[in-house]
C-alpha atoms as a PDB file:
ATOM      1  CA  MET A   1      -8.037 110.246 203.166  1.00  0.00           C
ATOM      2  CA  ASN A   2      -8.326 114.010 202.411  1.00  0.00           C
ATOM      3  CA  PRO A   3      -8.069 115.508 198.920  1.00  0.00           C
ATOM      4  CA  VAL A   4      -4.511 115.463 197.561  1.00  0.00           C
ATOM      5  CA  LEU A   5      -4.616 119.145 196.718  1.00  0.00           C
ATOM      6  CA  ASP A   6      -4.970 122.151 198.920  1.00  0.00           C
ATOM      7  CA  TYR A   7      -7.731 124.149 197.182  1.00  0.00           C
ATOM      8  CA  SER A   8      -6.830 127.480 198.690  1.00  0.00           C
ATOM      9  CA  GLU A   9      -8.073 130.653 197.162  1.00  0.00           C
ATOM     10  CA  SER A  10      -4.613 131.603 195.831  1.00  0.00           C
ATOM     11  CA  MET A  11      -4.032 128.109 194.380  1.00  0.00           C
ATOM     12  CA  LEU A  12      -7.331 128.139 192.531  1.00  0.00           C
ATOM     13  CA  ARG A  13      -6.735 131.661 191.241  1.00  0.00           C
ATOM     14  CA  GLU A  14      -3.372 130.598 189.796  1.00  0.00           C
ATOM     15  CA  LEU A  15      -4.707 127.399 188.331  1.00  0.00           C
ATOM     16  CA  ALA A  16      -7.714 129.079 186.806  1.00  0.00           C
ATOM     17  CA  GLN A  17      -5.577 131.887 185.319  1.00  0.00           C
ATOM     18  CA  ALA A  18      -3.245 129.390 183.611  1.00  0.00           C
ATOM     19  CA  ASP A  19      -6.185 127.360 182.195  1.00  0.00           C
ATOM     20  CA  VAL A  20      -7.971 130.485 181.009  1.00  0.00           C
ATOM     21  CA  THR A  21      -4.889 131.968 179.362  1.00  0.00           C
ATOM     22  CA  ARG A  22      -4.545 128.790 177.209  1.00  0.00           C
ATOM     23  CA  ALA A  23      -8.309 128.720 176.480  1.00  0.00           C
ATOM     24  CA  LEU A  24      -8.404 132.343 175.366  1.00  0.00           C
ATOM     25  CA  GLN A  25      -5.370 131.969 173.169  1.00  0.00           C
ATOM     26  CA  GLU A  26      -7.057 129.001 171.561  1.00  0.00           C
ATOM     27  CA  ASP A  27     -10.386 130.892 171.046  1.00  0.00           C
ATOM     28  CA  VAL A  28      -9.555 134.536 170.571  1.00  0.00           C
ATOM     29  CA  GLY A  29      -5.999 134.325 169.087  1.00  0.00           C
ATOM     30  CA  GLN A  30      -5.125 137.663 167.593  1.00  0.00           C
ATOM     31  CA  GLY A  31      -8.599 139.068 168.165  1.00  0.00           C
ATOM     32  CA  ASP A  32     -12.414 138.542 168.063  1.00  0.00           C
ATOM     33  CA  LEU A  33     -13.441 139.467 164.537  1.00  0.00           C
ATOM     34  CA  THR A  34     -17.193 139.258 165.235  1.00  0.00           C
ATOM     35  CA  ALA A  35     -17.115 141.301 168.370  1.00  0.00           C
ATOM     36  CA  GLY A  36     -15.320 144.000 166.481  1.00  0.00           C
ATOM     37  CA  LEU A  37     -18.705 144.749 164.945  1.00  0.00           C
ATOM     38  CA  ILE A  38     -19.932 146.136 168.327  1.00  0.00           C
ATOM     39  CA  ASP A  39     -19.337 149.762 169.342  1.00  0.00           C
ATOM     40  CA  PRO A  40     -16.509 149.579 172.003  1.00  0.00           C
ATOM     41  CA  THR A  41     -18.393 152.181 174.189  1.00  0.00           C
ATOM     42  CA  ARG A  42     -21.605 150.130 174.344  1.00  0.00           C
ATOM     43  CA  GLN A  43     -22.383 148.666 177.779  1.00  0.00           C
ATOM     44  CA  ALA A  44     -24.515 145.574 178.458  1.00  0.00           C
ATOM     45  CA  ARG A  45     -25.785 143.399 181.246  1.00  0.00           C
ATOM     46  CA  ALA A  46     -25.643 139.663 180.914  1.00  0.00           C
ATOM     47  CA  ARG A  47     -27.338 136.915 182.869  1.00  0.00           C
ATOM     48  CA  VAL A  48     -25.949 133.329 182.980  1.00  0.00           C
ATOM     49  CA  LEU A  49     -28.750 130.763 183.409  1.00  0.00           C
ATOM     50  CA  ALA A  50     -28.561 127.067 184.183  1.00  0.00           C
ATOM     51  CA  ARG A  51     -31.030 125.179 182.051  1.00  0.00           C
ATOM     52  CA  GLU A  52     -31.041 122.164 184.380  1.00  0.00           C
ATOM     53  CA  SER A  53     -30.418 121.331 188.030  1.00  0.00           C
ATOM     54  CA  ALA A  54     -26.714 121.193 188.793  1.00  0.00           C
ATOM     55  CA  VAL A  55     -23.993 121.555 191.449  1.00  0.00           C
ATOM     56  CA  ILE A  56     -22.267 124.732 190.373  1.00  0.00           C
ATOM     57  CA  CYS A  57     -18.421 124.590 189.893  1.00  0.00           C
ATOM     58  CA  GLY A  58     -16.061 126.900 188.012  1.00  0.00           C
ATOM     59  CA  VAL A  59     -16.318 130.274 189.754  1.00  0.00           C
ATOM     60  CA  PRO A  60     -12.563 130.904 189.718  1.00  0.00           C
ATOM     61  CA  TRP A  61     -12.404 130.065 185.978  1.00  0.00           C
ATOM     62  CA  VAL A  62     -15.336 132.395 185.093  1.00  0.00           C
ATOM     63  CA  GLU A  63     -13.746 135.212 187.124  1.00  0.00           C
ATOM     64  CA  ALA A  64     -10.344 134.662 185.516  1.00  0.00           C
ATOM     65  CA  THR A  65     -11.933 134.806 182.075  1.00  0.00           C
ATOM     66  CA  LEU A  66     -13.649 138.121 182.851  1.00  0.00           C
ATOM     67  CA  ARG A  67     -10.521 139.572 184.511  1.00  0.00           C
ATOM     68  CA  GLU A  68      -8.667 138.849 181.286  1.00  0.00           C
ATOM     69  CA  MET A  69     -11.274 140.135 178.846  1.00  0.00           C
ATOM     70  CA  VAL A  70     -13.371 142.590 180.755  1.00  0.00           C
ATOM     71  CA  PRO A  71     -11.421 143.644 183.878  1.00  0.00           C
ATOM     72  CA  GLU A  72     -13.924 146.414 184.675  1.00  0.00           C
ATOM     73  CA  ALA A  73     -16.884 143.962 184.705  1.00  0.00           C
ATOM     74  CA  LYS A  74     -19.090 143.827 187.752  1.00  0.00           C
ATOM     75  CA  LEU A  75     -20.167 140.307 188.831  1.00  0.00           C
ATOM     76  CA  THR A  76     -22.980 139.267 191.115  1.00  0.00           C
ATOM     77  CA  TRP A  77     -23.027 135.521 191.885  1.00  0.00           C
ATOM     78  CA  HIS A  78     -26.360 134.031 192.915  1.00  0.00           C
ATOM     79  CA  VAL A  79     -25.145 130.443 193.205  1.00  0.00           C
ATOM     80  CA  ARG A  80     -21.503 129.631 194.027  1.00  0.00           C
ATOM     81  CA  ASP A  81     -19.255 126.559 193.826  1.00  0.00           C
ATOM     82  CA  GLY A  82     -20.751 123.629 195.705  1.00  0.00           C
ATOM     83  CA  GLN A  83     -24.254 124.998 195.796  1.00  0.00           C
ATOM     84  CA  ARG A  84     -27.061 123.470 193.707  1.00  0.00           C
ATOM     85  CA  CYS A  85     -29.082 125.517 191.239  1.00  0.00           C
ATOM     86  CA  ALA A  86     -32.542 124.886 189.956  1.00  0.00           C
ATOM     87  CA  PRO A  87     -33.558 124.714 186.237  1.00  0.00           C
ATOM     88  CA  ASP A  88     -33.657 128.213 184.615  1.00  0.00           C
ATOM     89  CA  GLN A  89     -32.196 129.797 187.629  1.00  0.00           C
ATOM     90  CA  VAL A  90     -29.908 132.834 187.155  1.00  0.00           C
ATOM     91  CA  VAL A  91     -26.509 131.783 188.425  1.00  0.00           C
ATOM     92  CA  LEU A  92     -24.543 134.973 187.661  1.00  0.00           C
ATOM     93  CA  GLU A  93     -25.203 138.575 186.504  1.00  0.00           C
ATOM     94  CA  ILE A  94     -22.480 140.555 184.768  1.00  0.00           C
ATOM     95  CA  ALA A  95     -22.307 144.216 183.727  1.00  0.00           C
ATOM     96  CA  GLY A  96     -19.662 145.781 181.560  1.00  0.00           C
ATOM     97  CA  PRO A  97     -18.547 146.533 177.994  1.00  0.00           C
ATOM     98  CA  ALA A  98     -20.706 144.514 175.519  1.00  0.00           C
ATOM     99  CA  ARG A  99     -17.731 143.721 173.236  1.00  0.00           C
ATOM    100  CA  GLY A 100     -15.654 142.136 175.964  1.00  0.00           C
ATOM    101  CA  LEU A 101     -18.577 140.179 177.416  1.00  0.00           C
ATOM    102  CA  LEU A 102     -19.305 138.690 173.936  1.00  0.00           C
ATOM    103  CA  THR A 103     -15.690 137.659 173.533  1.00  0.00           C
ATOM    104  CA  ALA A 104     -15.591 136.086 176.972  1.00  0.00           C
ATOM    105  CA  GLU A 105     -18.970 134.340 176.646  1.00  0.00           C
ATOM    106  CA  ARG A 106     -17.929 130.957 175.199  1.00  0.00           C
ATOM    107  CA  THR A 107     -14.783 130.478 177.228  1.00  0.00           C
ATOM    108  CA  LEU A 108     -16.461 131.142 180.603  1.00  0.00           C
ATOM    109  CA  LEU A 109     -19.461 128.961 179.637  1.00  0.00           C
ATOM    110  CA  ASN A 110     -17.159 126.092 178.507  1.00  0.00           C
ATOM    111  CA  PHE A 111     -15.497 126.004 181.939  1.00  0.00           C
ATOM    112  CA  LEU A 112     -18.780 126.337 183.783  1.00  0.00           C
ATOM    113  CA  GLN A 113     -20.493 123.582 181.875  1.00  0.00           C
ATOM    114  CA  LEU A 114     -17.616 121.077 182.150  1.00  0.00           C
ATOM    115  CA  LEU A 115     -16.768 121.650 185.768  1.00  0.00           C
ATOM    116  CA  SER A 116     -20.407 121.801 186.933  1.00  0.00           C
ATOM    117  CA  ALA A 117     -20.948 118.525 185.089  1.00  0.00           C
ATOM    118  CA  VAL A 118     -18.130 116.843 186.979  1.00  0.00           C
ATOM    119  CA  ALA A 119     -19.327 118.211 190.285  1.00  0.00           C
ATOM    120  CA  THR A 120     -22.926 117.188 189.589  1.00  0.00           C
ATOM    121  CA  TYR A 121     -22.056 113.728 188.487  1.00  0.00           C
ATOM    122  CA  THR A 122     -19.870 113.167 191.511  1.00  0.00           C
ATOM    123  CA  ALA A 123     -22.554 114.466 193.861  1.00  0.00           C
ATOM    124  CA  THR A 124     -24.903 111.811 192.361  1.00  0.00           C
ATOM    125  CA  TYR A 125     -22.578 109.013 193.391  1.00  0.00           C
ATOM    126  CA  VAL A 126     -21.925 110.565 196.778  1.00  0.00           C
ATOM    127  CA  GLN A 127     -25.622 110.811 197.477  1.00  0.00           C
ATOM    128  CA  ALA A 128     -26.182 107.261 196.318  1.00  0.00           C
ATOM    129  CA  VAL A 129     -23.897 105.813 198.918  1.00  0.00           C
ATOM    130  CA  GLN A 130     -24.720 108.147 201.786  1.00  0.00           C
ATOM    131  CA  SER A 131     -27.956 106.271 202.592  1.00  0.00           C
ATOM    132  CA  VAL A 132     -26.224 102.926 202.818  1.00  0.00           C
ATOM    133  CA  PRO A 133     -26.304 101.686 206.470  1.00  0.00           C
ATOM    134  CA  GLY A 134     -22.862 101.962 207.956  1.00  0.00           C
ATOM    135  CA  ASN A 135     -21.357 103.344 204.786  1.00  0.00           C
ATOM    136  CA  ARG A 136     -17.769 104.406 205.010  1.00  0.00           C
ATOM    137  CA  ALA A 137     -16.883 104.532 201.346  1.00  0.00           C
ATOM    138  CA  GLN A 138     -15.498 107.709 199.755  1.00  0.00           C
ATOM    139  CA  ILE A 139     -16.105 108.379 196.104  1.00  0.00           C
ATOM    140  CA  VAL A 140     -12.737 108.774 194.422  1.00  0.00           C
ATOM    141  CA  ASP A 141     -11.577 110.048 191.035  1.00  0.00           C
ATOM    142  CA  THR A 142      -8.809 108.727 188.722  1.00  0.00           C
ATOM    143  CA  ARG A 143      -6.360 109.979 186.147  1.00  0.00           C
ATOM    144  CA  LYS A 144      -8.911 109.563 183.319  1.00  0.00           C
ATOM    145  CA  THR A 145      -9.161 113.319 182.813  1.00  0.00           C
ATOM    146  CA  LEU A 146      -9.124 115.752 179.950  1.00  0.00           C
ATOM    147  CA  PRO A 147      -5.460 116.585 178.976  1.00  0.00           C
ATOM    148  CA  GLY A 148      -4.420 119.889 180.447  1.00  0.00           C
ATOM    149  CA  LEU A 149      -7.542 120.163 182.746  1.00  0.00           C
ATOM    150  CA  ARG A 150      -6.759 117.472 185.369  1.00  0.00           C
ATOM    151  CA  LEU A 151      -6.392 119.791 188.318  1.00  0.00           C
ATOM    152  CA  ALA A 152      -9.627 121.711 187.380  1.00  0.00           C
ATOM    153  CA  GLN A 153     -11.557 118.419 187.086  1.00  0.00           C
ATOM    154  CA  LYS A 154     -10.183 117.100 190.346  1.00  0.00           C
ATOM    155  CA  TYR A 155     -11.250 120.360 191.985  1.00  0.00           C
ATOM    156  CA  ALA A 156     -14.749 119.744 190.559  1.00  0.00           C
ATOM    157  CA  VAL A 157     -14.785 116.247 192.051  1.00  0.00           C
ATOM    158  CA  CYS A 158     -14.143 117.649 195.489  1.00  0.00           C
ATOM    159  CA  THR A 159     -16.796 120.365 194.908  1.00  0.00           C
ATOM    160  CA  GLY A 160     -19.252 117.541 194.319  1.00  0.00           C
ATOM    161  CA  GLY A 161     -18.302 115.839 197.577  1.00  0.00           C
ATOM    162  CA  GLY A 162     -15.780 113.341 196.169  1.00  0.00           C
ATOM    163  CA  THR A 163     -12.113 112.668 196.994  1.00  0.00           C
ATOM    164  CA  ASN A 164      -9.037 112.920 194.898  1.00  0.00           C
ATOM    165  CA  HIS A 165      -6.809 109.958 194.114  1.00  0.00           C
ATOM    166  CA  ARG A 166      -3.219 110.726 193.082  1.00  0.00           C
ATOM    167  CA  ILE A 167      -2.656 113.706 190.806  1.00  0.00           C
ATOM    168  CA  GLY A 168      -0.263 111.960 188.451  1.00  0.00           C
ATOM    169  CA  LEU A 169       2.509 109.465 188.168  1.00  0.00           C
ATOM    170  CA  TYR A 170       4.817 111.650 190.181  1.00  0.00           C
ATOM    171  CA  ASP A 171       3.129 112.025 193.615  1.00  0.00           C
ATOM    172  CA  ALA A 172       1.994 108.545 194.581  1.00  0.00           C
ATOM    173  CA  VAL A 173       2.504 104.844 193.652  1.00  0.00           C
ATOM    174  CA  LEU A 174      -0.228 102.627 192.166  1.00  0.00           C
ATOM    175  CA  ILE A 175       1.148  99.189 191.541  1.00  0.00           C
ATOM    176  CA  LYS A 176      -0.882  97.311 188.907  1.00  0.00           C
ATOM    177  CA  GLU A 177      -0.768  93.779 187.516  1.00  0.00           C
ATOM    178  CA  ASN A 178       1.915  94.514 184.977  1.00  0.00           C
ATOM    179  CA  HIS A 179       4.132  96.116 187.619  1.00  0.00           C
ATOM    180  CA  ILE A 180       3.634  93.039 189.822  1.00  0.00           C
ATOM    181  CA  ALA A 181       4.595  90.649 186.965  1.00  0.00           C
ATOM    182  CA  ALA A 182       7.630  92.659 185.935  1.00  0.00           C
ATOM    183  CA  ALA A 183       8.944  93.074 189.502  1.00  0.00           C
ATOM    184  CA  GLY A 184       8.637  89.355 190.408  1.00  0.00           C
ATOM    185  CA  GLY A 185       5.445  89.303 192.611  1.00  0.00           C
ATOM    186  CA  VAL A 186       3.497  91.086 195.253  1.00  0.00           C
ATOM    187  CA  THR A 187       6.026  90.983 198.055  1.00  0.00           C
ATOM    188  CA  ALA A 188       8.927  91.890 195.806  1.00  0.00           C
ATOM    189  CA  VAL A 189       7.197  94.879 194.267  1.00  0.00           C
ATOM    190  CA  LEU A 190       6.096  96.259 197.608  1.00  0.00           C
ATOM    191  CA  GLN A 191       9.601  96.036 198.954  1.00  0.00           C
ATOM    192  CA  ARG A 192      10.895  97.785 195.862  1.00  0.00           C
ATOM    193  CA  ALA A 193       8.314 100.582 196.221  1.00  0.00           C
ATOM    194  CA  ALA A 194       9.427 101.259 199.760  1.00  0.00           C
ATOM    195  CA  ALA A 195      13.013 101.637 198.567  1.00  0.00           C
ATOM    196  CA  VAL A 196      12.396 103.594 195.352  1.00  0.00           C
ATOM    197  CA  ALA A 197       9.611 106.006 196.354  1.00  0.00           C
ATOM    198  CA  PRO A 198       9.997 106.742 200.098  1.00  0.00           C
ATOM    199  CA  SER A 199       8.459 110.231 199.650  1.00  0.00           C
ATOM    200  CA  ALA A 200       5.310 109.101 197.789  1.00  0.00           C
ATOM    201  CA  LYS A 201       2.035 110.352 199.363  1.00  0.00           C
ATOM    202  CA  PHE A 202       0.906 106.756 199.373  1.00  0.00           C
ATOM    203  CA  VAL A 203       1.728 103.284 197.881  1.00  0.00           C
ATOM    204  CA  GLU A 204      -1.230 101.335 196.678  1.00  0.00           C
ATOM    205  CA  ILE A 205      -1.214  97.837 195.192  1.00  0.00           C
ATOM    206  CA  GLU A 206      -3.899  96.370 192.947  1.00  0.00           C
ATOM    207  CA  VAL A 207      -4.940  92.718 193.610  1.00  0.00           C
ATOM    208  CA  GLU A 208      -7.230  90.431 191.705  1.00  0.00           C
ATOM    209  CA  THR A 209      -7.548  87.538 194.153  1.00  0.00           C
ATOM    210  CA  LEU A 210      -7.898  87.011 197.884  1.00  0.00           C
ATOM    211  CA  ALA A 211      -4.606  85.195 197.837  1.00  0.00           C
ATOM    212  CA  GLN A 212      -2.875  88.323 196.477  1.00  0.00           C
ATOM    213  CA  LEU A 213      -4.669  90.401 199.086  1.00  0.00           C
ATOM    214  CA  GLU A 214      -3.353  88.148 201.868  1.00  0.00           C
ATOM    215  CA  GLU A 215       0.163  88.328 200.502  1.00  0.00           C
ATOM    216  CA  ALA A 216       0.059  92.092 200.185  1.00  0.00           C
ATOM    217  CA  LEU A 217      -1.172  92.481 203.787  1.00  0.00           C
ATOM    218  CA  VAL A 218       1.495  90.216 205.081  1.00  0.00           C
ATOM    219  CA  ALA A 219       4.040  92.267 203.101  1.00  0.00           C
ATOM    220  CA  GLY A 220       2.891  95.404 204.857  1.00  0.00           C
ATOM    221  CA  ALA A 221       0.504  96.973 202.339  1.00  0.00           C
ATOM    222  CA  THR A 222      -1.362  99.954 203.711  1.00  0.00           C
ATOM    223  CA  MET A 223      -3.623 100.583 200.732  1.00  0.00           C
ATOM    224  CA  VAL A 224      -5.026  97.934 198.426  1.00  0.00           C
ATOM    225  CA  LEU A 225      -7.068  98.269 195.252  1.00  0.00           C
ATOM    226  CA  LEU A 226      -9.524  95.383 194.796  1.00  0.00           C
ATOM    227  CA  ASP A 227      -9.968  95.042 191.013  1.00  0.00           C
ATOM    228  CA  ASN A 228     -13.198  93.724 189.492  1.00  0.00           C
ATOM    229  CA  MET A 229     -14.195  91.512 192.367  1.00  0.00           C
ATOM    230  CA  SER A 230     -17.667  90.097 192.960  1.00  0.00           C
ATOM    231  CA  LEU A 231     -19.681  91.378 195.940  1.00  0.00           C
ATOM    232  CA  ASP A 232     -19.151  88.089 197.820  1.00  0.00           C
ATOM    233  CA  THR A 233     -15.373  88.392 197.227  1.00  0.00           C
ATOM    234  CA  LEU A 234     -15.418  91.975 198.352  1.00  0.00           C
ATOM    235  CA  ARG A 235     -17.169  91.080 201.611  1.00  0.00           C
ATOM    236  CA  GLU A 236     -14.622  88.316 202.223  1.00  0.00           C
ATOM    237  CA  ALA A 237     -11.788  90.784 201.440  1.00  0.00           C
ATOM    238  CA  VAL A 238     -13.145  93.140 204.032  1.00  0.00           C
ATOM    239  CA  ARG A 239     -13.260  90.315 206.578  1.00  0.00           C
ATOM    240  CA  LEU A 240      -9.703  89.202 205.787  1.00  0.00           C
ATOM    241  CA  ASN A 241      -8.369  92.690 205.876  1.00  0.00           C
ATOM    242  CA  ALA A 242      -9.742  93.334 209.337  1.00  0.00           C
ATOM    243  CA  GLY A 243      -8.978  97.071 209.135  1.00  0.00           C
ATOM    244  CA  ARG A 244      -5.272  96.496 208.383  1.00  0.00           C
ATOM    245  CA  ALA A 245      -5.252  98.492 205.079  1.00  0.00           C
ATOM    246  CA  ILE A 246      -7.362 101.012 203.227  1.00  0.00           C
ATOM    247  CA  LEU A 247      -9.486  99.063 200.761  1.00  0.00           C
ATOM    248  CA  GLU A 248     -10.438 100.612 197.433  1.00  0.00           C
ATOM    249  CA  VAL A 249     -12.714  99.145 194.718  1.00  0.00           C
ATOM    250  CA  SER A 250     -12.273  99.672 191.066  1.00  0.00           C
ATOM    251  CA  GLY A 251     -14.107  98.223 188.054  1.00  0.00           C
ATOM    252  CA  GLY A 252     -17.709  97.525 187.389  1.00  0.00           C
ATOM    253  CA  VAL A 253     -18.859 100.636 189.299  1.00  0.00           C
ATOM    254  CA  ASN A 254     -21.961 102.489 188.085  1.00  0.00           C
ATOM    255  CA  LEU A 255     -25.049 104.030 189.645  1.00  0.00           C
ATOM    256  CA  SER A 256     -26.701 100.581 189.616  1.00  0.00           C
ATOM    257  CA  THR A 257     -23.925  98.874 191.565  1.00  0.00           C
ATOM    258  CA  VAL A 258     -22.296 101.553 193.717  1.00  0.00           C
ATOM    259  CA  ARG A 259     -24.715 101.117 196.736  1.00  0.00           C
ATOM    260  CA  ASP A 260     -24.129  97.359 196.924  1.00  0.00           C
ATOM    261  CA  ILE A 261     -20.389  97.864 196.668  1.00  0.00           C
ATOM    262  CA  ALA A 262     -20.446 100.463 199.490  1.00  0.00           C
ATOM    263  CA  ALA A 263     -22.400  98.065 201.582  1.00  0.00           C
ATOM    264  CA  THR A 264     -19.584  95.537 201.616  1.00  0.00           C
ATOM    265  CA  GLY A 265     -17.570  97.779 203.938  1.00  0.00           C
ATOM    266  CA  VAL A 266     -14.859  99.014 201.650  1.00  0.00           C
ATOM    267  CA  ASP A 267     -13.224 102.379 202.268  1.00  0.00           C
ATOM    268  CA  ARG A 268     -13.001 103.870 198.786  1.00  0.00           C
ATOM    269  CA  ILE A 269     -14.720 103.497 195.436  1.00  0.00           C
ATOM    270  CA  SER A 270     -12.792 104.849 192.432  1.00  0.00           C
ATOM    271  CA  ILE A 271     -14.748 105.817 189.347  1.00  0.00           C
ATOM    272  CA  GLY A 272     -13.085 106.895 186.102  1.00  0.00           C
ATOM    273  CA  ALA A 273     -16.469 108.059 184.694  1.00  0.00           C
ATOM    274  CA  LEU A 274     -16.518 111.044 187.097  1.00  0.00           C
ATOM    275  CA  THR A 275     -14.140 112.897 184.804  1.00  0.00           C
ATOM    276  CA  LYS A 276     -14.225 110.846 181.630  1.00  0.00           C
ATOM    277  CA  ASP A 277     -17.818 110.286 180.783  1.00  0.00           C
ATOM    278  CA  VAL A 278     -19.348 113.578 181.719  1.00  0.00           C
ATOM    279  CA  LYS A 279     -22.161 115.293 179.880  1.00  0.00           C
ATOM    280  CA  ALA A 280     -21.938 119.043 179.939  1.00  0.00           C
ATOM    281  CA  ILE A 281     -24.479 121.015 181.951  1.00  0.00           C
ATOM    282  CA  ASP A 282     -26.534 123.316 179.782  1.00  0.00           C
ATOM    283  CA  PHE A 283     -25.881 126.966 180.536  1.00  0.00           C
ATOM    284  CA  SER A 284     -26.689 130.046 178.464  1.00  0.00           C
ATOM    285  CA  MET A 285     -25.866 133.715 178.584  1.00  0.00           C
ATOM    286  CA  ARG A 286     -28.523 136.353 177.739  1.00  0.00           C
ATOM    287  CA  PHE A 287     -27.595 139.931 176.997  1.00  0.00           C
ATOM    288  CA  GLU A 288     -29.498 143.196 177.805  1.00  0.00           C
ATOM    289  CA  GLU A 289     -28.364 146.578 176.677  1.00  0.00           C
ATOM    290  CA  LEU A 290     -27.771 149.027 179.518  1.00  0.00           C
END
């Protein structure tokens, strides 16, 4: 299954601009009081360094920040989105008015450190399953994202080699245990989904037992989420499924378990931690007067 979003250049530019506008309003407000100490004619050169190895992500957000604050700035990227940098490597060089660069500094670094962290963490999981013999499992994100930055984080997941799940409650159907109970069972809720949401990108149903899986398959399910099942149960689920539906695993996934889960033969492994439990990548900006 391909990413849900089309990450075209124009789409990313619009998305980044909207995110940056909010971020700058939050940070700069009516004006940067400290940067006002700097002579407005003074020029500077700045270097952005990565203090640790990372998969870079956030170029459109950095560029949108600089377009807003320092439109005349000249940028030279040495590492771009999807490429890995080494510790202490210069990722970006910028030249322009010192006052504007100082005002833009924290906002552009915030986006770069967050999105690079998501991309790097995702890449770690992707690399972990790639060496599993016969692996077919994609690493998939969830809706456990920072409010207001979901699309940015989902872009970062794809930059790290992962795959997007649904964007929100509006574009696809994920039937969970409470939906099943409220609707009257697996078969009933799948029939209801077909009638209520015919335009959904996909309909997925969560099951907790092999009996529920078999009922879902008989009812025509094309995508099933296997929730918190043991490895033996997952292997049996793959055998019972026999390729009829896309099988996704959720729950109990970490770097110690993901390889064994992938080895069961499932199609997708969803991991909320990709966007929820990220530790920012350490970047710094260093200034030189021109």
